[in-house]
Amino acid sequence: MTTLKGHRGYVLSVVFSPDGKTIATGSDDNTVKLWNLSGQEMTTLKGHRGYVLSVVFSPDGKTIATGSSDSTMKLWNLNGQEMTTLKGHSGSVLSVAFSPDGKTIATGSDDNTVKLWNLDLDDLLARGCAWAHDYLKNNPNVQDGDRKLCDDVGSPR
């Protein structure tokens, strides 16, 4: 049908978006490119300091996760803006996968590990508030208005 040309190195990963309208490619030129089905480059994601070995779309198609030989996984929006970098592997991140609900990412590495990353912001907020609960309620240095920061988040675990 068409050939996508634009990377300056080997293309190491390619994936369709869930709606099938966008293709993401990862390369040893340290970039990810987003393409439309006509083969036109839409944007280039730059930020990794190593080869981009794995690219995947979230189930809702709004986020892209990339794994790299720089030992990081990055999350990007569709405009090509880096949202966050997750560090934890001591080797290259060879494989990245979203859970079906999009709330967890699994990464596989040549450090012989698989790591699970929690992206459920409500759960993270609840865990953080559970951890900070006693501090907020009992520390004399906390201002009165701040003591109730986590009251609406749920009960501590």
N, C-alpha and C. Protein backbone atom coordinates (compact mmCIF):
# COMPACT_ATOMS: atom_id res chain seq x y z
N MET A 1 0.82 -1.20 0.00
CA MET A 1 0.00 0.00 0.00
C MET A 1 0.86 1.26 0.00
N THR A 2 1.79 1.35 0.98
CA THR A 2 2.67 2.52 1.04
C THR A 2 3.89 2.18 1.88
N THR A 3 4.92 2.98 1.78
CA THR A 3 6.14 2.81 2.56
C THR A 3 6.35 4.05 3.40
N LEU A 4 6.61 3.85 4.69
CA LEU A 4 6.85 4.96 5.61
C LEU A 4 8.36 5.19 5.69
N LYS A 5 8.78 6.37 5.30
CA LYS A 5 10.21 6.70 5.33
C LYS A 5 10.41 7.97 6.14
N GLY A 6 11.39 7.95 7.03
CA GLY A 6 11.66 9.15 7.82
C GLY A 6 12.65 8.90 8.94
N HIS A 7 12.73 7.67 9.44
CA HIS A 7 13.71 7.37 10.49
C HIS A 7 15.11 7.36 9.89
N ARG A 8 16.09 7.70 10.72
CA ARG A 8 17.49 7.68 10.30
C ARG A 8 18.20 6.41 10.78
N GLY A 9 17.44 5.46 11.28
CA GLY A 9 18.02 4.22 11.77
C GLY A 9 17.02 3.10 11.61
N TYR A 10 17.42 1.93 12.09
CA TYR A 10 16.53 0.76 12.02
C TYR A 10 15.22 1.02 12.73
N VAL A 11 14.13 0.54 12.17
CA VAL A 11 12.84 0.58 12.83
C VAL A 11 12.73 -0.70 13.65
N LEU A 12 12.62 -0.54 14.98
CA LEU A 12 12.66 -1.67 15.90
C LEU A 12 11.29 -2.07 16.43
N SER A 13 10.31 -1.19 16.31
CA SER A 13 8.97 -1.48 16.81
C SER A 13 7.95 -0.71 15.99
N VAL A 14 6.81 -1.35 15.73
CA VAL A 14 5.73 -0.69 15.00
C VAL A 14 4.40 -1.19 15.56
N VAL A 15 3.44 -0.27 15.70
CA VAL A 15 2.14 -0.62 16.27
C VAL A 15 1.06 0.30 15.71
N PHE A 16 -0.14 -0.26 15.54
CA PHE A 16 -1.31 0.54 15.16
C PHE A 16 -1.98 1.06 16.42
N SER A 17 -2.59 2.24 16.33
CA SER A 17 -3.44 2.76 17.40
C SER A 17 -4.70 1.89 17.47
N PRO A 18 -5.40 1.90 18.60
CA PRO A 18 -6.61 1.08 18.72
C PRO A 18 -7.66 1.36 17.65
N ASP A 19 -7.76 2.61 17.18
CA ASP A 19 -8.75 2.92 16.14
C ASP A 19 -8.24 2.63 14.73
N GLY A 20 -6.96 2.21 14.63
CA GLY A 20 -6.39 1.83 13.35
C GLY A 20 -6.03 2.98 12.44
N LYS A 21 -6.08 4.22 12.94
CA LYS A 21 -5.84 5.39 12.08
C LYS A 21 -4.43 5.95 12.18
N THR A 22 -3.68 5.51 13.17
CA THR A 22 -2.32 6.02 13.39
C THR A 22 -1.37 4.85 13.57
N ILE A 23 -0.16 5.02 13.08
CA ILE A 23 0.90 4.03 13.26
C ILE A 23 2.01 4.71 14.04
N ALA A 24 2.56 4.03 15.05
CA ALA A 24 3.71 4.53 15.79
C ALA A 24 4.88 3.60 15.51
N THR A 25 6.05 4.20 15.27
CA THR A 25 7.26 3.43 15.01
C THR A 25 8.37 3.89 15.95
N GLY A 26 9.13 2.93 16.48
CA GLY A 26 10.28 3.23 17.33
C GLY A 26 11.55 2.82 16.61
N SER A 27 12.61 3.58 16.81
CA SER A 27 13.81 3.38 16.01
C SER A 27 15.09 3.47 16.84
N ASP A 28 16.18 2.98 16.23
CA ASP A 28 17.48 3.14 16.87
C ASP A 28 18.06 4.54 16.64
N ASP A 29 17.26 5.44 16.06
CA ASP A 29 17.65 6.85 16.01
C ASP A 29 17.13 7.60 17.25
N ASN A 30 16.63 6.81 18.25
CA ASN A 30 16.17 7.31 19.55
C ASN A 30 14.85 8.06 19.48
N THR A 31 14.09 7.90 18.41
CA THR A 31 12.82 8.61 18.27
C THR A 31 11.67 7.65 18.04
N VAL A 32 10.47 8.20 18.24
CA VAL A 32 9.21 7.56 17.86
C VAL A 32 8.55 8.50 16.86
N LYS A 33 8.02 7.93 15.81
CA LYS A 33 7.30 8.75 14.84
C LYS A 33 5.85 8.26 14.76
N LEU A 34 4.94 9.22 14.63
CA LEU A 34 3.54 8.92 14.42
C LEU A 34 3.20 9.24 12.98
N TRP A 35 2.47 8.30 12.33
CA TRP A 35 2.16 8.38 10.92
C TRP A 35 0.68 8.20 10.71
N ASN A 36 0.14 8.83 9.67
CA ASN A 36 -1.23 8.51 9.26
C ASN A 36 -1.16 7.36 8.26
N LEU A 37 -2.31 6.85 7.86
CA LEU A 37 -2.34 5.68 6.98
C LEU A 37 -1.88 5.98 5.56
N SER A 38 -1.78 7.25 5.22
CA SER A 38 -1.27 7.63 3.90
C SER A 38 0.25 7.64 3.88
N GLY A 39 0.86 7.43 5.04
CA GLY A 39 2.32 7.41 5.12
C GLY A 39 2.93 8.75 5.44
N GLN A 40 2.11 9.73 5.81
CA GLN A 40 2.63 11.04 6.16
C GLN A 40 3.01 11.07 7.64
N GLU A 41 4.19 11.59 7.92
CA GLU A 41 4.64 11.73 9.31
C GLU A 41 3.85 12.84 9.97
N MET A 42 3.24 12.52 11.13
CA MET A 42 2.44 13.51 11.86
C MET A 42 3.27 14.23 12.92
N THR A 43 4.11 13.49 13.64
CA THR A 43 4.96 14.09 14.67
C THR A 43 6.08 13.14 15.03
N THR A 44 7.11 13.69 15.66
CA THR A 44 8.24 12.90 16.14
C THR A 44 8.37 13.11 17.63
N LEU A 45 8.47 12.02 18.38
CA LEU A 45 8.64 12.06 19.83
C LEU A 45 10.12 11.90 20.13
N LYS A 46 10.69 12.93 20.76
CA LYS A 46 12.12 12.93 21.08
C LYS A 46 12.30 13.07 22.58
N GLY A 47 13.19 12.28 23.15
CA GLY A 47 13.44 12.36 24.58
C GLY A 47 14.26 11.20 25.11
N HIS A 48 14.19 10.06 24.43
CA HIS A 48 15.00 8.92 24.87
C HIS A 48 16.46 9.17 24.52
N ARG A 49 17.32 8.63 25.36
CA ARG A 49 18.77 8.74 25.13
C ARG A 49 19.35 7.43 24.60
N GLY A 50 18.46 6.55 24.19
CA GLY A 50 18.87 5.26 23.63
C GLY A 50 17.84 4.81 22.61
N TYR A 51 18.10 3.66 22.03
CA TYR A 51 17.20 3.09 21.03
C TYR A 51 15.80 2.94 21.60
N VAL A 52 14.78 3.20 20.80
CA VAL A 52 13.40 2.94 21.20
C VAL A 52 13.07 1.53 20.73
N LEU A 53 12.96 0.62 21.70
CA LEU A 53 12.83 -0.80 21.42
C LEU A 53 11.39 -1.28 21.40
N SER A 54 10.49 -0.55 22.05
CA SER A 54 9.10 -0.99 22.14
C SER A 54 8.19 0.23 22.17
N VAL A 55 7.09 0.15 21.43
CA VAL A 55 6.10 1.22 21.39
C VAL A 55 4.72 0.57 21.50
N VAL A 56 3.84 1.18 22.30
CA VAL A 56 2.48 0.65 22.45
C VAL A 56 1.52 1.81 22.75
N PHE A 57 0.31 1.69 22.24
CA PHE A 57 -0.77 2.64 22.55
C PHE A 57 -1.55 2.12 23.74
N SER A 58 -2.06 3.04 24.56
CA SER A 58 -2.99 2.67 25.62
C SER A 58 -4.29 2.18 24.96
N PRO A 59 -5.09 1.41 25.70
CA PRO A 59 -6.34 0.91 25.12
C PRO A 59 -7.27 2.00 24.59
N ASP A 60 -7.26 3.17 25.22
CA ASP A 60 -8.12 4.26 24.73
C ASP A 60 -7.46 5.07 23.61
N GLY A 61 -6.20 4.74 23.29
CA GLY A 61 -5.50 5.40 22.19
C GLY A 61 -4.99 6.79 22.49
N LYS A 62 -5.08 7.25 23.73
CA LYS A 62 -4.71 8.62 24.07
C LYS A 62 -3.28 8.76 24.58
N THR A 63 -2.65 7.64 24.91
CA THR A 63 -1.31 7.66 25.49
C THR A 63 -0.44 6.65 24.75
N ILE A 64 0.83 6.99 24.60
CA ILE A 64 1.81 6.09 24.00
C ILE A 64 2.86 5.80 25.06
N ALA A 65 3.21 4.53 25.21
CA ALA A 65 4.30 4.14 26.11
C ALA A 65 5.44 3.61 25.26
N THR A 66 6.66 4.00 25.64
CA THR A 66 7.84 3.56 24.90
C THR A 66 8.87 2.99 25.85
N GLY A 67 9.54 1.94 25.42
CA GLY A 67 10.64 1.35 26.17
C GLY A 67 11.92 1.55 25.40
N SER A 68 13.02 1.76 26.13
CA SER A 68 14.27 2.15 25.47
C SER A 68 15.49 1.45 26.06
N SER A 69 16.54 1.46 25.27
CA SER A 69 17.83 0.95 25.75
C SER A 69 18.46 1.88 26.79
N ASP A 70 17.85 3.05 27.04
CA ASP A 70 18.33 3.94 28.09
C ASP A 70 17.77 3.56 29.47
N SER A 71 17.13 2.38 29.56
CA SER A 71 16.59 1.81 30.80
C SER A 71 15.35 2.52 31.31
N THR A 72 14.68 3.28 30.45
CA THR A 72 13.48 3.99 30.88
C THR A 72 12.27 3.59 30.04
N MET A 73 11.11 3.87 30.61
CA MET A 73 9.85 3.83 29.89
C MET A 73 9.28 5.24 29.96
N LYS A 74 8.80 5.74 28.85
CA LYS A 74 8.22 7.07 28.83
C LYS A 74 6.77 6.98 28.39
N LEU A 75 5.97 7.91 28.92
CA LEU A 75 4.58 8.07 28.51
C LEU A 75 4.46 9.39 27.77
N TRP A 76 3.73 9.37 26.66
CA TRP A 76 3.59 10.53 25.78
C TRP A 76 2.12 10.75 25.45
N ASN A 77 1.75 11.99 25.20
CA ASN A 77 0.42 12.23 24.65
C ASN A 77 0.51 12.23 23.12
N LEU A 78 -0.61 12.32 22.46
CA LEU A 78 -0.63 12.22 21.00
C LEU A 78 -0.05 13.44 20.31
N ASN A 79 0.16 14.53 21.05
CA ASN A 79 0.81 15.72 20.48
C ASN A 79 2.32 15.61 20.51
N GLY A 80 2.83 14.49 21.07
CA GLY A 80 4.27 14.29 21.12
C GLY A 80 4.93 14.83 22.36
N GLN A 81 4.13 15.25 23.34
CA GLN A 81 4.69 15.78 24.58
C GLN A 81 4.93 14.64 25.56
N GLU A 82 6.11 14.63 26.14
CA GLU A 82 6.43 13.63 27.16
C GLU A 82 5.66 13.96 28.43
N MET A 83 4.95 12.97 28.96
CA MET A 83 4.17 13.16 30.18
C MET A 83 4.97 12.75 31.41
N THR A 84 5.72 11.66 31.31
CA THR A 84 6.53 11.21 32.45
C THR A 84 7.56 10.20 31.98
N THR A 85 8.58 10.04 32.80
CA THR A 85 9.59 9.00 32.58
C THR A 85 9.60 8.11 33.81
N LEU A 86 9.51 6.81 33.58
CA LEU A 86 9.54 5.84 34.67
C LEU A 86 10.85 5.09 34.63
N LYS A 87 11.55 5.12 35.76
CA LYS A 87 12.86 4.47 35.88
C LYS A 87 12.76 3.37 36.91
N GLY A 88 13.44 2.28 36.70
CA GLY A 88 13.41 1.19 37.66
C GLY A 88 14.16 -0.03 37.17
N HIS A 89 14.36 -0.12 35.88
CA HIS A 89 15.13 -1.24 35.33
C HIS A 89 16.61 -0.88 35.29
N SER A 90 17.45 -1.88 35.43
CA SER A 90 18.89 -1.65 35.32
C SER A 90 19.40 -1.99 33.92
N GLY A 91 18.51 -2.44 33.06
CA GLY A 91 18.87 -2.76 31.69
C GLY A 91 17.88 -2.15 30.72
N SER A 92 18.03 -2.49 29.46
CA SER A 92 17.15 -1.99 28.42
C SER A 92 15.71 -2.44 28.65
N VAL A 93 14.77 -1.55 28.37
CA VAL A 93 13.35 -1.91 28.43
C VAL A 93 12.98 -2.42 27.04
N LEU A 94 12.84 -3.75 26.94
CA LEU A 94 12.66 -4.41 25.66
C LEU A 94 11.21 -4.50 25.22
N SER A 95 10.29 -4.50 26.20
CA SER A 95 8.89 -4.73 25.88
C SER A 95 8.01 -3.93 26.83
N VAL A 96 6.93 -3.38 26.29
CA VAL A 96 5.98 -2.59 27.08
C VAL A 96 4.58 -3.03 26.70
N ALA A 97 3.70 -3.19 27.70
CA ALA A 97 2.31 -3.57 27.43
C ALA A 97 1.38 -2.90 28.44
N PHE A 98 0.24 -2.42 27.95
CA PHE A 98 -0.82 -1.89 28.81
C PHE A 98 -1.76 -3.02 29.19
N SER A 99 -2.30 -2.96 30.40
CA SER A 99 -3.39 -3.86 30.77
C SER A 99 -4.63 -3.44 29.98
N PRO A 100 -5.62 -4.34 29.82
CA PRO A 100 -6.82 -3.98 29.05
C PRO A 100 -7.55 -2.74 29.57
N ASP A 101 -7.52 -2.48 30.88
CA ASP A 101 -8.19 -1.30 31.42
C ASP A 101 -7.31 -0.05 31.39
N GLY A 102 -6.05 -0.18 30.96
CA GLY A 102 -5.14 0.96 30.85
C GLY A 102 -4.60 1.48 32.16
N LYS A 103 -4.86 0.79 33.26
CA LYS A 103 -4.43 1.28 34.57
C LYS A 103 -3.10 0.71 35.04
N THR A 104 -2.57 -0.25 34.30
CA THR A 104 -1.29 -0.86 34.64
C THR A 104 -0.47 -1.02 33.37
N ILE A 105 0.84 -0.81 33.51
CA ILE A 105 1.76 -1.09 32.41
C ILE A 105 2.75 -2.14 32.90
N ALA A 106 3.06 -3.08 32.04
CA ALA A 106 4.11 -4.06 32.31
C ALA A 106 5.29 -3.75 31.41
N THR A 107 6.50 -3.81 31.98
CA THR A 107 7.71 -3.64 31.20
C THR A 107 8.60 -4.85 31.41
N GLY A 108 9.21 -5.31 30.33
CA GLY A 108 10.16 -6.41 30.39
C GLY A 108 11.53 -5.90 30.00
N SER A 109 12.56 -6.41 30.68
CA SER A 109 13.90 -5.87 30.50
C SER A 109 14.94 -6.98 30.38
N ASP A 110 16.09 -6.62 29.81
CA ASP A 110 17.20 -7.58 29.77
C ASP A 110 17.92 -7.65 31.12
N ASP A 111 17.36 -6.99 32.15
CA ASP A 111 17.85 -7.20 33.52
C ASP A 111 17.15 -8.40 34.17
N ASN A 112 16.41 -9.16 33.33
CA ASN A 112 15.72 -10.40 33.75
C ASN A 112 14.52 -10.15 34.65
N THR A 113 13.91 -8.97 34.54
CA THR A 113 12.74 -8.67 35.36
C THR A 113 11.59 -8.16 34.51
N VAL A 114 10.41 -8.31 35.07
CA VAL A 114 9.20 -7.66 34.57
C VAL A 114 8.71 -6.76 35.69
N LYS A 115 8.42 -5.53 35.39
CA LYS A 115 7.90 -4.60 36.40
C LYS A 115 6.49 -4.18 36.01
N LEU A 116 5.65 -4.05 37.04
CA LEU A 116 4.29 -3.56 36.85
C LEU A 116 4.21 -2.15 37.41
N TRP A 117 3.64 -1.25 36.64
CA TRP A 117 3.55 0.17 37.00
C TRP A 117 2.08 0.54 37.12
N ASN A 118 1.72 1.16 38.24
CA ASN A 118 0.34 1.54 38.51
C ASN A 118 0.06 2.91 37.91
N LEU A 119 -0.90 3.00 37.01
CA LEU A 119 -1.30 4.27 36.41
C LEU A 119 -2.68 4.71 36.87
N ASP A 120 -3.27 3.98 37.80
CA ASP A 120 -4.59 4.30 38.32
C ASP A 120 -4.44 5.46 39.32
N LEU A 121 -4.71 6.68 38.87
CA LEU A 121 -4.46 7.87 39.69
C LEU A 121 -5.32 7.90 40.95
N ASP A 122 -6.54 7.40 40.87
CA ASP A 122 -7.38 7.35 42.06
C ASP A 122 -6.77 6.43 43.11
N ASP A 123 -6.26 5.29 42.68
CA ASP A 123 -5.63 4.35 43.61
C ASP A 123 -4.35 4.95 44.20
N LEU A 124 -3.56 5.60 43.35
CA LEU A 124 -2.33 6.22 43.85
C LEU A 124 -2.62 7.31 44.87
N LEU A 125 -3.66 8.11 44.61
CA LEU A 125 -4.05 9.16 45.55
C LEU A 125 -4.50 8.55 46.87
N ALA A 126 -5.30 7.49 46.81
CA ALA A 126 -5.78 6.83 48.03
C ALA A 126 -4.61 6.25 48.82
N ARG A 127 -3.65 5.65 48.14
CA ARG A 127 -2.48 5.09 48.84
C ARG A 127 -1.64 6.20 49.48
N GLY A 128 -1.46 7.30 48.73
CA GLY A 128 -0.69 8.42 49.28
C GLY A 128 -1.37 9.03 50.48
N CYS A 129 -2.67 9.18 50.42
CA CYS A 129 -3.41 9.74 51.55
C CYS A 129 -3.40 8.79 52.74
N ALA A 130 -3.47 7.50 52.48
CA ALA A 130 -3.40 6.53 53.58
C ALA A 130 -2.04 6.65 54.27
N TRP A 131 -1.01 6.83 53.48
CA TRP A 131 0.34 6.95 54.03
C TRP A 131 0.48 8.26 54.84
N ALA A 132 -0.12 9.35 54.36
CA ALA A 132 0.03 10.66 54.99
C ALA A 132 -1.01 10.94 56.07
N HIS A 133 -1.97 10.06 56.25
CA HIS A 133 -3.11 10.30 57.14
C HIS A 133 -2.68 10.73 58.54
N ASP A 134 -1.85 9.94 59.22
CA ASP A 134 -1.44 10.27 60.58
C ASP A 134 -0.65 11.58 60.65
N TYR A 135 0.20 11.80 59.64
CA TYR A 135 0.99 13.03 59.60
C TYR A 135 0.06 14.24 59.51
N LEU A 136 -0.91 14.19 58.60
CA LEU A 136 -1.82 15.32 58.42
C LEU A 136 -2.67 15.58 59.67
N LYS A 137 -3.08 14.54 60.34
CA LYS A 137 -3.96 14.69 61.50
C LYS A 137 -3.21 15.07 62.78
N ASN A 138 -1.96 14.62 62.92
CA ASN A 138 -1.29 14.73 64.22
C ASN A 138 -0.07 15.64 64.29
N ASN A 139 0.49 16.04 63.17
CA ASN A 139 1.70 16.86 63.20
C ASN A 139 1.33 18.30 63.55
N PRO A 140 1.95 18.87 64.57
CA PRO A 140 1.61 20.23 64.98
C PRO A 140 2.00 21.29 63.95
N ASN A 141 2.89 20.95 63.00
CA ASN A 141 3.33 21.92 62.00
C ASN A 141 2.39 22.01 60.79
N VAL A 142 1.39 21.13 60.71
CA VAL A 142 0.44 21.16 59.60
C VAL A 142 -0.63 22.20 59.91
N GLN A 143 -0.89 23.07 58.94
CA GLN A 143 -1.92 24.10 59.13
C GLN A 143 -3.30 23.45 59.17
N ASP A 144 -4.21 24.07 59.89
CA ASP A 144 -5.54 23.50 60.08
C ASP A 144 -6.23 23.19 58.75
N GLY A 145 -6.11 24.08 57.79
CA GLY A 145 -6.75 23.85 56.49
C GLY A 145 -6.21 22.65 55.74
N ASP A 146 -4.94 22.31 55.99
CA ASP A 146 -4.32 21.18 55.31
C ASP A 146 -4.63 19.84 55.97
N ARG A 147 -5.12 19.86 57.17
CA ARG A 147 -5.41 18.61 57.89
C ARG A 147 -6.50 17.78 57.20
N LYS A 148 -7.31 18.44 56.40
CA LYS A 148 -8.44 17.75 55.76
C LYS A 148 -8.19 17.47 54.27
N LEU A 149 -6.94 17.59 53.83
CA LEU A 149 -6.61 17.41 52.41
C LEU A 149 -7.09 16.07 51.86
N CYS A 150 -7.02 15.03 52.66
CA CYS A 150 -7.35 13.70 52.17
C CYS A 150 -8.70 13.18 52.67
N ASP A 151 -9.47 14.02 53.31
CA ASP A 151 -10.74 13.55 53.89
C ASP A 151 -11.71 13.01 52.83
N ASP A 152 -11.70 13.56 51.64
CA ASP A 152 -12.64 13.11 50.61
C ASP A 152 -12.09 12.00 49.73
N VAL A 153 -10.88 11.55 50.00
CA VAL A 153 -10.24 10.55 49.16
C VAL A 153 -10.67 9.14 49.52
N GLY A 154 -11.09 8.91 50.72
CA GLY A 154 -11.48 7.58 51.15
C GLY A 154 -10.80 7.26 52.45
N SER A 155 -11.18 6.18 53.02
CA SER A 155 -10.61 5.83 54.32
C SER A 155 -9.21 5.27 54.13
N PRO A 156 -8.34 5.52 55.10
CA PRO A 156 -6.98 5.00 55.02
C PRO A 156 -6.98 3.49 55.00
N ARG A 157 -5.98 2.94 54.31
CA ARG A 157 -5.87 1.48 54.22
C ARG A 157 -5.01 0.94 55.32
